[in-house]
mmCIF file of all heavy atoms, coordinates in Angstrom:
data_MODEL
# 
_entry.id   MODEL 
# 
loop_
_atom_site.group_PDB 
_atom_site.id 
_atom_site.type_symbol 
_atom_site.label_atom_id 
_atom_site.label_alt_id 
_atom_site.label_comp_id 
_atom_site.label_asym_id 
_atom_site.label_entity_id 
_atom_site.label_seq_id 
_atom_site.pdbx_PDB_ins_code 
_atom_site.Cartn_x 
_atom_site.Cartn_y 
_atom_site.Cartn_z 
_atom_site.occupancy 
_atom_site.B_iso_or_equiv 
_atom_site.pdbx_formal_charge 
_atom_site.auth_seq_id 
_atom_site.auth_comp_id 
_atom_site.auth_asym_id 
_atom_site.auth_atom_id 
_atom_site.pdbx_PDB_model_num 
ATOM 1   N N   . ASP A 1 1  ? 0.817  -1.211  0.000   1.00 0.00 ? 1  ASP A N   1 
ATOM 2   C CA  . ASP A 1 1  ? 0.000  0.000   0.000   1.00 0.00 ? 1  ASP A CA  1 
ATOM 3   C C   . ASP A 1 1  ? 0.855  1.268   0.000   1.00 0.00 ? 1  ASP A C   1 
ATOM 4   O O   . ASP A 1 1  ? 0.459  2.292   -0.569  1.00 0.00 ? 1  ASP A O   1 
ATOM 5   C CB  . ASP A 1 1  ? -0.922 0.015   1.219   1.00 0.00 ? 1  ASP A CB  1 
ATOM 6   C CG  . ASP A 1 1  ? -2.048 -0.991  1.117   1.00 0.00 ? 1  ASP A CG  1 
ATOM 7   O OD1 . ASP A 1 1  ? -2.330 -1.469  0.001   1.00 0.00 ? 1  ASP A OD1 1 
ATOM 8   O OD2 . ASP A 1 1  ? -2.650 -1.304  2.158   1.00 0.00 ? 1  ASP A OD2 1 
ATOM 9   N N   . SER A 1 2  ? 2.015  1.198   0.609   1.00 0.00 ? 2  SER A N   1 
ATOM 10  C CA  . SER A 1 2  ? 2.866  2.369   0.732   1.00 0.00 ? 2  SER A CA  1 
ATOM 11  C C   . SER A 1 2  ? 3.435  2.856   -0.599  1.00 0.00 ? 2  SER A C   1 
ATOM 12  O O   . SER A 1 2  ? 3.856  4.012   -0.702  1.00 0.00 ? 2  SER A O   1 
ATOM 13  C CB  . SER A 1 2  ? 4.018  2.081   1.700   1.00 0.00 ? 2  SER A CB  1 
ATOM 14  O OG  . SER A 1 2  ? 4.791  0.986   1.255   1.00 0.00 ? 2  SER A OG  1 
ATOM 15  N N   . VAL A 1 3  ? 3.449  1.992   -1.613  1.00 0.00 ? 3  VAL A N   1 
ATOM 16  C CA  . VAL A 1 3  ? 4.030  2.370   -2.902  1.00 0.00 ? 3  VAL A CA  1 
ATOM 17  C C   . VAL A 1 3  ? 3.041  2.291   -4.048  1.00 0.00 ? 3  VAL A C   1 
ATOM 18  O O   . VAL A 1 3  ? 3.356  2.741   -5.160  1.00 0.00 ? 3  VAL A O   1 
ATOM 19  C CB  . VAL A 1 3  ? 5.267  1.515   -3.240  1.00 0.00 ? 3  VAL A CB  1 
ATOM 20  C CG1 . VAL A 1 3  ? 6.278  1.560   -2.100  1.00 0.00 ? 3  VAL A CG1 1 
ATOM 21  C CG2 . VAL A 1 3  ? 4.873  0.075   -3.550  1.00 0.00 ? 3  VAL A CG2 1 
ATOM 22  N N   . LYS A 1 4  ? 1.876  1.751   -3.818  1.00 0.00 ? 4  LYS A N   1 
ATOM 23  C CA  . LYS A 1 4  ? 0.894  1.568   -4.879  1.00 0.00 ? 4  LYS A CA  1 
ATOM 24  C C   . LYS A 1 4  ? 0.533  2.909   -5.513  1.00 0.00 ? 4  LYS A C   1 
ATOM 25  O O   . LYS A 1 4  ? 0.256  3.879   -4.822  1.00 0.00 ? 4  LYS A O   1 
ATOM 26  C CB  . LYS A 1 4  ? -0.353 0.891   -4.328  1.00 0.00 ? 4  LYS A CB  1 
ATOM 27  C CG  . LYS A 1 4  ? -1.313 0.410   -5.399  1.00 0.00 ? 4  LYS A CG  1 
ATOM 28  C CD  . LYS A 1 4  ? -2.441 -0.418  -4.798  1.00 0.00 ? 4  LYS A CD  1 
ATOM 29  C CE  . LYS A 1 4  ? -3.339 -0.995  -5.866  1.00 0.00 ? 4  LYS A CE  1 
ATOM 30  N NZ  . LYS A 1 4  ? -4.420 -1.828  -5.269  1.00 0.00 ? 4  LYS A NZ  1 
ATOM 31  N N   . GLY A 1 5  ? 0.543  2.932   -6.831  1.00 0.00 ? 5  GLY A N   1 
ATOM 32  C CA  . GLY A 1 5  ? 0.266  4.157   -7.564  1.00 0.00 ? 5  GLY A CA  1 
ATOM 33  C C   . GLY A 1 5  ? 1.500  4.964   -7.879  1.00 0.00 ? 5  GLY A C   1 
ATOM 34  O O   . GLY A 1 5  ? 1.435  5.884   -8.706  1.00 0.00 ? 5  GLY A O   1 
ATOM 35  N N   . ARG A 1 6  ? 2.623  4.650   -7.234  1.00 0.00 ? 6  ARG A N   1 
ATOM 36  C CA  . ARG A 1 6  ? 3.870  5.372   -7.479  1.00 0.00 ? 6  ARG A CA  1 
ATOM 37  C C   . ARG A 1 6  ? 4.944  4.488   -8.100  1.00 0.00 ? 6  ARG A C   1 
ATOM 38  O O   . ARG A 1 6  ? 5.760  4.964   -8.880  1.00 0.00 ? 6  ARG A O   1 
ATOM 39  C CB  . ARG A 1 6  ? 4.406  5.962   -6.179  1.00 0.00 ? 6  ARG A CB  1 
ATOM 40  C CG  . ARG A 1 6  ? 3.462  6.960   -5.516  1.00 0.00 ? 6  ARG A CG  1 
ATOM 41  C CD  . ARG A 1 6  ? 4.123  7.644   -4.323  1.00 0.00 ? 6  ARG A CD  1 
ATOM 42  N NE  . ARG A 1 6  ? 4.479  6.693   -3.276  1.00 0.00 ? 6  ARG A NE  1 
ATOM 43  C CZ  . ARG A 1 6  ? 5.714  6.470   -2.842  1.00 0.00 ? 6  ARG A CZ  1 
ATOM 44  N NH1 . ARG A 1 6  ? 6.736  7.153   -3.363  1.00 0.00 ? 6  ARG A NH1 1 
ATOM 45  N NH2 . ARG A 1 6  ? 5.946  5.596   -1.877  1.00 0.00 ? 6  ARG A NH2 1 
ATOM 46  N N   . PHE A 1 7  ? 4.962  3.218   -7.730  1.00 0.00 ? 7  PHE A N   1 
ATOM 47  C CA  . PHE A 1 7  ? 5.967  2.278   -8.223  1.00 0.00 ? 7  PHE A CA  1 
ATOM 48  C C   . PHE A 1 7  ? 5.335  1.320   -9.226  1.00 0.00 ? 7  PHE A C   1 
ATOM 49  O O   . PHE A 1 7  ? 4.164  0.946   -9.089  1.00 0.00 ? 7  PHE A O   1 
ATOM 50  C CB  . PHE A 1 7  ? 6.552  1.450   -7.079  1.00 0.00 ? 7  PHE A CB  1 
ATOM 51  C CG  . PHE A 1 7  ? 7.422  2.207   -6.115  1.00 0.00 ? 7  PHE A CG  1 
ATOM 52  C CD1 . PHE A 1 7  ? 7.495  3.589   -6.111  1.00 0.00 ? 7  PHE A CD1 1 
ATOM 53  C CD2 . PHE A 1 7  ? 8.187  1.500   -5.191  1.00 0.00 ? 7  PHE A CD2 1 
ATOM 54  C CE1 . PHE A 1 7  ? 8.301  4.270   -5.214  1.00 0.00 ? 7  PHE A CE1 1 
ATOM 55  C CE2 . PHE A 1 7  ? 8.997  2.167   -4.290  1.00 0.00 ? 7  PHE A CE2 1 
ATOM 56  C CZ  . PHE A 1 7  ? 9.056  3.550   -4.298  1.00 0.00 ? 7  PHE A CZ  1 
ATOM 57  N N   . THR A 1 8  ? 6.124  0.905   -10.202 1.00 0.00 ? 8  THR A N   1 
ATOM 58  C CA  . THR A 1 8  ? 5.667  -0.046  -11.204 1.00 0.00 ? 8  THR A CA  1 
ATOM 59  C C   . THR A 1 8  ? 6.731  -1.108  -11.424 1.00 0.00 ? 8  THR A C   1 
ATOM 60  O O   . THR A 1 8  ? 7.888  -0.789  -11.683 1.00 0.00 ? 8  THR A O   1 
ATOM 61  C CB  . THR A 1 8  ? 5.357  0.645   -12.539 1.00 0.00 ? 8  THR A CB  1 
ATOM 62  O OG1 . THR A 1 8  ? 4.366  1.654   -12.352 1.00 0.00 ? 8  THR A OG1 1 
ATOM 63  C CG2 . THR A 1 8  ? 4.842  -0.374  -13.556 1.00 0.00 ? 8  THR A CG2 1 
ATOM 64  N N   . ILE A 1 9  ? 6.329  -2.363  -11.332 1.00 0.00 ? 9  ILE A N   1 
ATOM 65  C CA  . ILE A 1 9  ? 7.229  -3.482  -11.599 1.00 0.00 ? 9  ILE A CA  1 
ATOM 66  C C   . ILE A 1 9  ? 6.988  -3.993  -13.010 1.00 0.00 ? 9  ILE A C   1 
ATOM 67  O O   . ILE A 1 9  ? 5.846  -4.110  -13.445 1.00 0.00 ? 9  ILE A O   1 
ATOM 68  C CB  . ILE A 1 9  ? 7.012  -4.620  -10.590 1.00 0.00 ? 9  ILE A CB  1 
ATOM 69  C CG1 . ILE A 1 9  ? 7.293  -4.146  -9.170  1.00 0.00 ? 9  ILE A CG1 1 
ATOM 70  C CG2 . ILE A 1 9  ? 7.890  -5.817  -10.925 1.00 0.00 ? 9  ILE A CG2 1 
ATOM 71  C CD1 . ILE A 1 9  ? 6.931  -5.164  -8.108  1.00 0.00 ? 9  ILE A CD1 1 
ATOM 72  N N   . SER A 1 10 ? 8.056  -4.295  -13.706 1.00 0.00 ? 10 SER A N   1 
ATOM 73  C CA  . SER A 1 10 ? 7.954  -4.899  -15.025 1.00 0.00 ? 10 SER A CA  1 
ATOM 74  C C   . SER A 1 10 ? 9.101  -5.883  -15.195 1.00 0.00 ? 10 SER A C   1 
ATOM 75  O O   . SER A 1 10 ? 10.030 -5.922  -14.385 1.00 0.00 ? 10 SER A O   1 
ATOM 76  C CB  . SER A 1 10 ? 7.980  -3.836  -16.128 1.00 0.00 ? 10 SER A CB  1 
ATOM 77  O OG  . SER A 1 10 ? 9.194  -3.114  -16.108 1.00 0.00 ? 10 SER A OG  1 
ATOM 78  N N   . ARG A 1 11 ? 9.038  -6.682  -16.240 1.00 0.00 ? 11 ARG A N   1 
ATOM 79  C CA  . ARG A 1 11 ? 10.124 -7.621  -16.494 1.00 0.00 ? 11 ARG A CA  1 
ATOM 80  C C   . ARG A 1 11 ? 10.290 -7.831  -17.984 1.00 0.00 ? 11 ARG A C   1 
ATOM 81  O O   . ARG A 1 11 ? 9.349  -7.684  -18.766 1.00 0.00 ? 11 ARG A O   1 
ATOM 82  C CB  . ARG A 1 11 ? 9.880  -8.953  -15.776 1.00 0.00 ? 11 ARG A CB  1 
ATOM 83  C CG  . ARG A 1 11 ? 8.714  -9.763  -16.320 1.00 0.00 ? 11 ARG A CG  1 
ATOM 84  C CD  . ARG A 1 11 ? 8.387  -10.933 -15.384 1.00 0.00 ? 11 ARG A CD  1 
ATOM 85  N NE  . ARG A 1 11 ? 9.486  -11.879 -15.304 1.00 0.00 ? 11 ARG A NE  1 
ATOM 86  C CZ  . ARG A 1 11 ? 9.618  -12.794 -14.337 1.00 0.00 ? 11 ARG A CZ  1 
ATOM 87  N NH1 . ARG A 1 11 ? 8.707  -12.868 -13.360 1.00 0.00 ? 11 ARG A NH1 1 
ATOM 88  N NH2 . ARG A 1 11 ? 10.652 -13.631 -14.344 1.00 0.00 ? 11 ARG A NH2 1 
ATOM 89  N N   . ASP A 1 12 ? 11.500 -8.184  -18.357 1.00 0.00 ? 12 ASP A N   1 
ATOM 90  C CA  . ASP A 1 12 ? 11.834 -8.529  -19.727 1.00 0.00 ? 12 ASP A CA  1 
ATOM 91  C C   . ASP A 1 12 ? 12.515 -9.882  -19.656 1.00 0.00 ? 12 ASP A C   1 
ATOM 92  O O   . ASP A 1 12 ? 13.712 -9.974  -19.360 1.00 0.00 ? 12 ASP A O   1 
ATOM 93  C CB  . ASP A 1 12 ? 12.741 -7.480  -20.348 1.00 0.00 ? 12 ASP A CB  1 
ATOM 94  C CG  . ASP A 1 12 ? 12.991 -7.714  -21.824 1.00 0.00 ? 12 ASP A CG  1 
ATOM 95  O OD1 . ASP A 1 12 ? 12.813 -8.855  -22.297 1.00 0.00 ? 12 ASP A OD1 1 
ATOM 96  O OD2 . ASP A 1 12 ? 13.372 -6.752  -22.513 1.00 0.00 ? 12 ASP A OD2 1 
ATOM 97  N N   . ASN A 1 13 ? 11.755 -10.927 -19.911 1.00 0.00 ? 13 ASN A N   1 
ATOM 98  C CA  . ASN A 1 13 ? 12.295 -12.275 -19.767 1.00 0.00 ? 13 ASN A CA  1 
ATOM 99  C C   . ASN A 1 13 ? 13.393 -12.579 -20.778 1.00 0.00 ? 13 ASN A C   1 
ATOM 100 O O   . ASN A 1 13 ? 14.268 -13.401 -20.514 1.00 0.00 ? 13 ASN A O   1 
ATOM 101 C CB  . ASN A 1 13 ? 11.169 -13.304 -19.878 1.00 0.00 ? 13 ASN A CB  1 
ATOM 102 C CG  . ASN A 1 13 ? 10.280 -13.321 -18.648 1.00 0.00 ? 13 ASN A CG  1 
ATOM 103 O OD1 . ASN A 1 13 ? 10.640 -12.781 -17.599 1.00 0.00 ? 13 ASN A OD1 1 
ATOM 104 N ND2 . ASN A 1 13 ? 9.115  -13.935 -18.762 1.00 0.00 ? 13 ASN A ND2 1 
ATOM 105 N N   . ALA A 1 14 ? 13.353 -11.925 -21.928 1.00 0.00 ? 14 ALA A N   1 
ATOM 106 C CA  . ALA A 1 14 ? 14.400 -12.119 -22.917 1.00 0.00 ? 14 ALA A CA  1 
ATOM 107 C C   . ALA A 1 14 ? 15.739 -11.575 -22.434 1.00 0.00 ? 14 ALA A C   1 
ATOM 108 O O   . ALA A 1 14 ? 16.792 -12.013 -22.895 1.00 0.00 ? 14 ALA A O   1 
ATOM 109 C CB  . ALA A 1 14 ? 14.014 -11.461 -24.236 1.00 0.00 ? 14 ALA A CB  1 
ATOM 110 N N   . LYS A 1 15 ? 15.701 -10.619 -21.510 1.00 0.00 ? 15 LYS A N   1 
ATOM 111 C CA  . LYS A 1 15 ? 16.912 -10.029 -20.954 1.00 0.00 ? 15 LYS A CA  1 
ATOM 112 C C   . LYS A 1 15 ? 17.210 -10.503 -19.540 1.00 0.00 ? 15 LYS A C   1 
ATOM 113 O O   . LYS A 1 15 ? 18.153 -10.018 -18.916 1.00 0.00 ? 15 LYS A O   1 
ATOM 114 C CB  . LYS A 1 15 ? 16.812 -8.506  -20.966 1.00 0.00 ? 15 LYS A CB  1 
ATOM 115 C CG  . LYS A 1 15 ? 16.714 -7.899  -22.349 1.00 0.00 ? 15 LYS A CG  1 
ATOM 116 C CD  . LYS A 1 15 ? 16.650 -6.385  -22.276 1.00 0.00 ? 15 LYS A CD  1 
ATOM 117 C CE  . LYS A 1 15 ? 16.604 -5.770  -23.662 1.00 0.00 ? 15 LYS A CE  1 
ATOM 118 N NZ  . LYS A 1 15 ? 16.532 -4.289  -23.606 1.00 0.00 ? 15 LYS A NZ  1 
ATOM 119 N N   . ASN A 1 16 ? 16.406 -11.422 -19.037 1.00 0.00 ? 16 ASN A N   1 
ATOM 120 C CA  . ASN A 1 16 ? 16.581 -11.924 -17.667 1.00 0.00 ? 16 ASN A CA  1 
ATOM 121 C C   . ASN A 1 16 ? 16.625 -10.783 -16.650 1.00 0.00 ? 16 ASN A C   1 
ATOM 122 O O   . ASN A 1 16 ? 17.443 -10.780 -15.716 1.00 0.00 ? 16 ASN A O   1 
ATOM 123 C CB  . ASN A 1 16 ? 17.863 -12.757 -17.553 1.00 0.00 ? 16 ASN A CB  1 
ATOM 124 C CG  . ASN A 1 16 ? 17.662 -14.208 -17.925 1.00 0.00 ? 16 ASN A CG  1 
ATOM 125 O OD1 . ASN A 1 16 ? 16.771 -14.550 -18.701 1.00 0.00 ? 16 ASN A OD1 1 
ATOM 126 N ND2 . ASN A 1 16 ? 18.501 -15.081 -17.370 1.00 0.00 ? 16 ASN A ND2 1 
ATOM 127 N N   . THR A 1 17 ? 15.739 -9.828  -16.817 1.00 0.00 ? 17 THR A N   1 
ATOM 128 C CA  . THR A 1 17 ? 15.783 -8.628  -15.992 1.00 0.00 ? 17 THR A CA  1 
ATOM 129 C C   . THR A 1 17 ? 14.395 -8.237  -15.503 1.00 0.00 ? 17 THR A C   1 
ATOM 130 O O   . THR A 1 17 ? 13.421 -8.299  -16.264 1.00 0.00 ? 17 THR A O   1 
ATOM 131 C CB  . THR A 1 17 ? 16.401 -7.459  -16.764 1.00 0.00 ? 17 THR A CB  1 
ATOM 132 O OG1 . THR A 1 17 ? 17.717 -7.823  -17.202 1.00 0.00 ? 17 THR A OG1 1 
ATOM 133 C CG2 . THR A 1 17 ? 16.511 -6.221  -15.886 1.00 0.00 ? 17 THR A CG2 1 
ATOM 134 N N   . VAL A 1 18 ? 14.327 -7.829  -14.247 1.00 0.00 ? 18 VAL A N   1 
ATOM 135 C CA  . VAL A 1 18 ? 13.114 -7.263  -13.676 1.00 0.00 ? 18 VAL A CA  1 
ATOM 136 C C   . VAL A 1 18 ? 13.429 -5.828  -13.269 1.00 0.00 ? 18 VAL A C   1 
ATOM 137 O O   . VAL A 1 18 ? 14.555 -5.522  -12.856 1.00 0.00 ? 18 VAL A O   1 
ATOM 138 C CB  . VAL A 1 18 ? 12.596 -8.099  -12.488 1.00 0.00 ? 18 VAL A CB  1 
ATOM 139 C CG1 . VAL A 1 18 ? 13.598 -8.115  -11.341 1.00 0.00 ? 18 VAL A CG1 1 
ATOM 140 C CG2 . VAL A 1 18 ? 11.241 -7.588  -12.022 1.00 0.00 ? 18 VAL A CG2 1 
ATOM 141 N N   . TYR A 1 19 ? 12.435 -4.949  -13.385 1.00 0.00 ? 19 TYR A N   1 
ATOM 142 C CA  . TYR A 1 19 ? 12.624 -3.531  -13.126 1.00 0.00 ? 19 TYR A CA  1 
ATOM 143 C C   . TYR A 1 19 ? 11.673 -3.043  -12.046 1.00 0.00 ? 19 TYR A C   1 
ATOM 144 O O   . TYR A 1 19 ? 10.582 -3.576  -11.865 1.00 0.00 ? 19 TYR A O   1 
ATOM 145 C CB  . TYR A 1 19 ? 12.376 -2.709  -14.389 1.00 0.00 ? 19 TYR A CB  1 
ATOM 146 C CG  . TYR A 1 19 ? 13.196 -3.125  -15.575 1.00 0.00 ? 19 TYR A CG  1 
ATOM 147 C CD1 . TYR A 1 19 ? 12.683 -4.009  -16.523 1.00 0.00 ? 19 TYR A CD1 1 
ATOM 148 C CD2 . TYR A 1 19 ? 14.486 -2.645  -15.761 1.00 0.00 ? 19 TYR A CD2 1 
ATOM 149 C CE1 . TYR A 1 19 ? 13.434 -4.397  -17.616 1.00 0.00 ? 19 TYR A CE1 1 
ATOM 150 C CE2 . TYR A 1 19 ? 15.242 -3.030  -16.846 1.00 0.00 ? 19 TYR A CE2 1 
ATOM 151 C CZ  . TYR A 1 19 ? 14.720 -3.904  -17.773 1.00 0.00 ? 19 TYR A CZ  1 
ATOM 152 O OH  . TYR A 1 19 ? 15.462 -4.291  -18.853 1.00 0.00 ? 19 TYR A OH  1 
ATOM 153 N N   . LEU A 1 20 ? 12.096 -2.006  -11.366 1.00 0.00 ? 20 LEU A N   1 
ATOM 154 C CA  . LEU A 1 20 ? 11.231 -1.292  -10.438 1.00 0.00 ? 20 LEU A CA  1 
ATOM 155 C C   . LEU A 1 20 ? 11.318 0.183   -10.785 1.00 0.00 ? 20 LEU A C   1 
ATOM 156 O O   . LEU A 1 20 ? 12.325 0.833   -10.506 1.00 0.00 ? 20 LEU A O   1 
ATOM 157 C CB  . LEU A 1 20 ? 11.652 -1.529  -8.987  1.00 0.00 ? 20 LEU A CB  1 
ATOM 158 C CG  . LEU A 1 20 ? 10.785 -0.837  -7.933  1.00 0.00 ? 20 LEU A CG  1 
ATOM 159 C CD1 . LEU A 1 20 ? 9.365  -1.412  -7.939  1.00 0.00 ? 20 LEU A CD1 1 
ATOM 160 C CD2 . LEU A 1 20 ? 11.405 -0.975  -6.544  1.00 0.00 ? 20 LEU A CD2 1 
ATOM 161 N N   . GLN A 1 21 ? 10.273 0.689   -11.427 1.00 0.00 ? 21 GLN A N   1 
ATOM 162 C CA  . GLN A 1 21 ? 10.211 2.101   -11.772 1.00 0.00 ? 21 GLN A CA  1 
ATOM 163 C C   . GLN A 1 21 ? 9.560  2.846   -10.616 1.00 0.00 ? 21 GLN A C   1 
ATOM 164 O O   . GLN A 1 21 ? 8.403  2.588   -10.282 1.00 0.00 ? 21 GLN A O   1 
ATOM 165 C CB  . GLN A 1 21 ? 9.402  2.307   -13.052 1.00 0.00 ? 21 GLN A CB  1 
ATOM 166 C CG  . GLN A 1 21 ? 9.237  3.763   -13.459 1.00 0.00 ? 21 GLN A CG  1 
ATOM 167 C CD  . GLN A 1 21 ? 10.542 4.410   -13.851 1.00 0.00 ? 21 GLN A CD  1 
ATOM 168 O OE1 . GLN A 1 21 ? 11.252 3.913   -14.712 1.00 0.00 ? 21 GLN A OE1 1 
ATOM 169 N NE2 . GLN A 1 21 ? 10.879 5.526   -13.207 1.00 0.00 ? 21 GLN A NE2 1 
ATOM 170 N N   . MET A 1 22 ? 10.296 3.756   -10.019 1.00 0.00 ? 22 MET A N   1 
ATOM 171 C CA  . MET A 1 22 ? 9.828  4.495   -8.860  1.00 0.00 ? 22 MET A CA  1 
ATOM 172 C C   . MET A 1 22 ? 9.620  5.951   -9.248  1.00 0.00 ? 22 MET A C   1 
ATOM 173 O O   . MET A 1 22 ? 10.512 6.591   -9.800  1.00 0.00 ? 22 MET A O   1 
ATOM 174 C CB  . MET A 1 22 ? 10.833 4.397   -7.714  1.00 0.00 ? 22 MET A CB  1 
ATOM 175 C CG  . MET A 1 22 ? 11.181 2.965   -7.327  1.00 0.00 ? 22 MET A CG  1 
ATOM 176 S SD  . MET A 1 22 ? 12.316 2.875   -5.913  1.00 0.00 ? 22 MET A SD  1 
ATOM 177 C CE  . MET A 1 22 ? 13.790 3.579   -6.662  1.00 0.00 ? 22 MET A CE  1 
ATOM 178 N N   . THR A 1 23 ? 8.443  6.465   -8.961  1.00 0.00 ? 23 THR A N   1 
ATOM 179 C CA  . THR A 1 23 ? 8.121  7.861   -9.235  1.00 0.00 ? 23 THR A CA  1 
ATOM 180 C C   . THR A 1 23 ? 7.575  8.505   -7.971  1.00 0.00 ? 23 THR A C   1 
ATOM 181 O O   . THR A 1 23 ? 7.209  7.824   -7.013  1.00 0.00 ? 23 THR A O   1 
ATOM 182 C CB  . THR A 1 23 ? 7.098  7.997   -10.369 1.00 0.00 ? 23 THR A CB  1 
ATOM 183 O OG1 . THR A 1 23 ? 5.851  7.425   -9.977  1.00 0.00 ? 23 THR A OG1 1 
ATOM 184 C CG2 . THR A 1 23 ? 7.589  7.300   -11.629 1.00 0.00 ? 23 THR A CG2 1 
ATOM 185 N N   . LYS A 1 24 ? 7.509  9.825   -7.990  1.00 0.00 ? 24 LYS A N   1 
ATOM 186 C CA  . LYS A 1 24 ? 6.993  10.588  -6.844  1.00 0.00 ? 24 LYS A CA  1 
ATOM 187 C C   . LYS A 1 24 ? 7.635  10.109  -5.543  1.00 0.00 ? 24 LYS A C   1 
ATOM 188 O O   . LYS A 1 24 ? 6.958  9.872   -4.543  1.00 0.00 ? 24 LYS A O   1 
ATOM 189 C CB  . LYS A 1 24 ? 5.470  10.477  -6.776  1.00 0.00 ? 24 LYS A CB  1 
ATOM 190 C CG  . LYS A 1 24 ? 4.765  10.983  -8.029  1.00 0.00 ? 24 LYS A CG  1 
ATOM 191 C CD  . LYS A 1 24 ? 3.264  10.802  -7.930  1.00 0.00 ? 24 LYS A CD  1 
ATOM 192 C CE  . LYS A 1 24 ? 2.571  11.283  -9.193  1.00 0.00 ? 24 LYS A CE  1 
ATOM 193 N NZ  . LYS A 1 24 ? 1.100  11.077  -9.119  1.00 0.00 ? 24 LYS A NZ  1 
ATOM 194 N N   . LEU A 1 25 ? 8.926  9.999   -5.576  1.00 0.00 ? 25 LEU A N   1 
ATOM 195 C CA  . LEU A 1 25 ? 9.655  9.456   -4.439  1.00 0.00 ? 25 LEU A CA  1 
ATOM 196 C C   . LEU A 1 25 ? 9.565  10.363  -3.221  1.00 0.00 ? 25 LEU A C   1 
ATOM 197 O O   . LEU A 1 25 ? 9.533  11.593  -3.334  1.00 0.00 ? 25 LEU A O   1 
ATOM 198 C CB  . LEU A 1 25 ? 11.115 9.228   -4.818  1.00 0.00 ? 25 LEU A CB  1 
ATOM 199 C CG  . LEU A 1 25 ? 11.350 7.986   -5.678  1.00 0.00 ? 25 LEU A CG  1 
ATOM 200 C CD1 . LEU A 1 25 ? 12.689 8.057   -6.385  1.00 0.00 ? 25 LEU A CD1 1 
ATOM 201 C CD2 . LEU A 1 25 ? 11.267 6.732   -4.814  1.00 0.00 ? 25 LEU A CD2 1 
ATOM 202 N N   . LYS A 1 26 ? 9.531  9.726   -2.071  1.00 0.00 ? 26 LYS A N   1 
ATOM 203 C CA  . LYS A 1 26 ? 9.437  10.407  -0.787  1.00 0.00 ? 26 LYS A CA  1 
ATOM 204 C C   . LYS A 1 26 ? 10.652 10.045  0.060   1.00 0.00 ? 26 LYS A C   1 
ATOM 205 O O   . LYS A 1 26 ? 11.253 8.993   -0.132  1.00 0.00 ? 26 LYS A O   1 
ATOM 206 C CB  . LYS A 1 26 ? 8.169  9.976   -0.037  1.00 0.00 ? 26 LYS A CB  1 
ATOM 207 C CG  . LYS A 1 26 ? 6.883  10.111  -0.815  1.00 0.00 ? 26 LYS A CG  1 
ATOM 208 C CD  . LYS A 1 26 ? 5.732  9.497   -0.030  1.00 0.00 ? 26 LYS A CD  1 
ATOM 209 C CE  . LYS A 1 26 ? 4.425  9.583   -0.794  1.00 0.00 ? 26 LYS A CE  1 
ATOM 210 N NZ  . LYS A 1 26 ? 3.315  8.954   -0.026  1.00 0.00 ? 26 LYS A NZ  1 
ATOM 211 N N   . PRO A 1 27 ? 11.006 10.891  1.023   1.00 0.00 ? 27 PRO A N   1 
ATOM 212 C CA  . PRO A 1 27 ? 12.101 10.517  1.927   1.00 0.00 ? 27 PRO A CA  1 
ATOM 213 C C   . PRO A 1 27 ? 11.875 9.168   2.607   1.00 0.00 ? 27 PRO A C   1 
ATOM 214 O O   . PRO A 1 27 ? 12.844 8.453   2.885   1.00 0.00 ? 27 PRO A O   1 
ATOM 215 C CB  . PRO A 1 27 ? 12.118 11.666  2.938   1.00 0.00 ? 27 PRO A CB  1 
ATOM 216 C CG  . PRO A 1 27 ? 11.644 12.837  2.150   1.00 0.00 ? 27 PRO A CG  1 
ATOM 217 C CD  . PRO A 1 27 ? 10.575 12.281  1.241   1.00 0.00 ? 27 PRO A CD  1 
ATOM 218 N N   . ALA A 1 28 ? 10.624 8.805   2.863   1.00 0.00 ? 28 ALA A N   1 
ATOM 219 C CA  . ALA A 1 28 ? 10.316 7.526   3.491   1.00 0.00 ? 28 ALA A CA  1 
ATOM 220 C C   . ALA A 1 28 ? 10.654 6.333   2.605   1.00 0.00 ? 28 ALA A C   1 
ATOM 221 O O   . ALA A 1 28 ? 10.684 5.200   3.091   1.00 0.00 ? 28 ALA A O   1 
ATOM 222 C CB  . ALA A 1 28 ? 8.836  7.480   3.877   1.00 0.00 ? 28 ALA A CB  1 
# 
């Protein structure tokens, strides 16, 4: 709940990589 709406997880299986896109970052 603390990150919902601000963070997005995605993955590219062809690159063996998972991503965490973080927006509207807070000091917390």
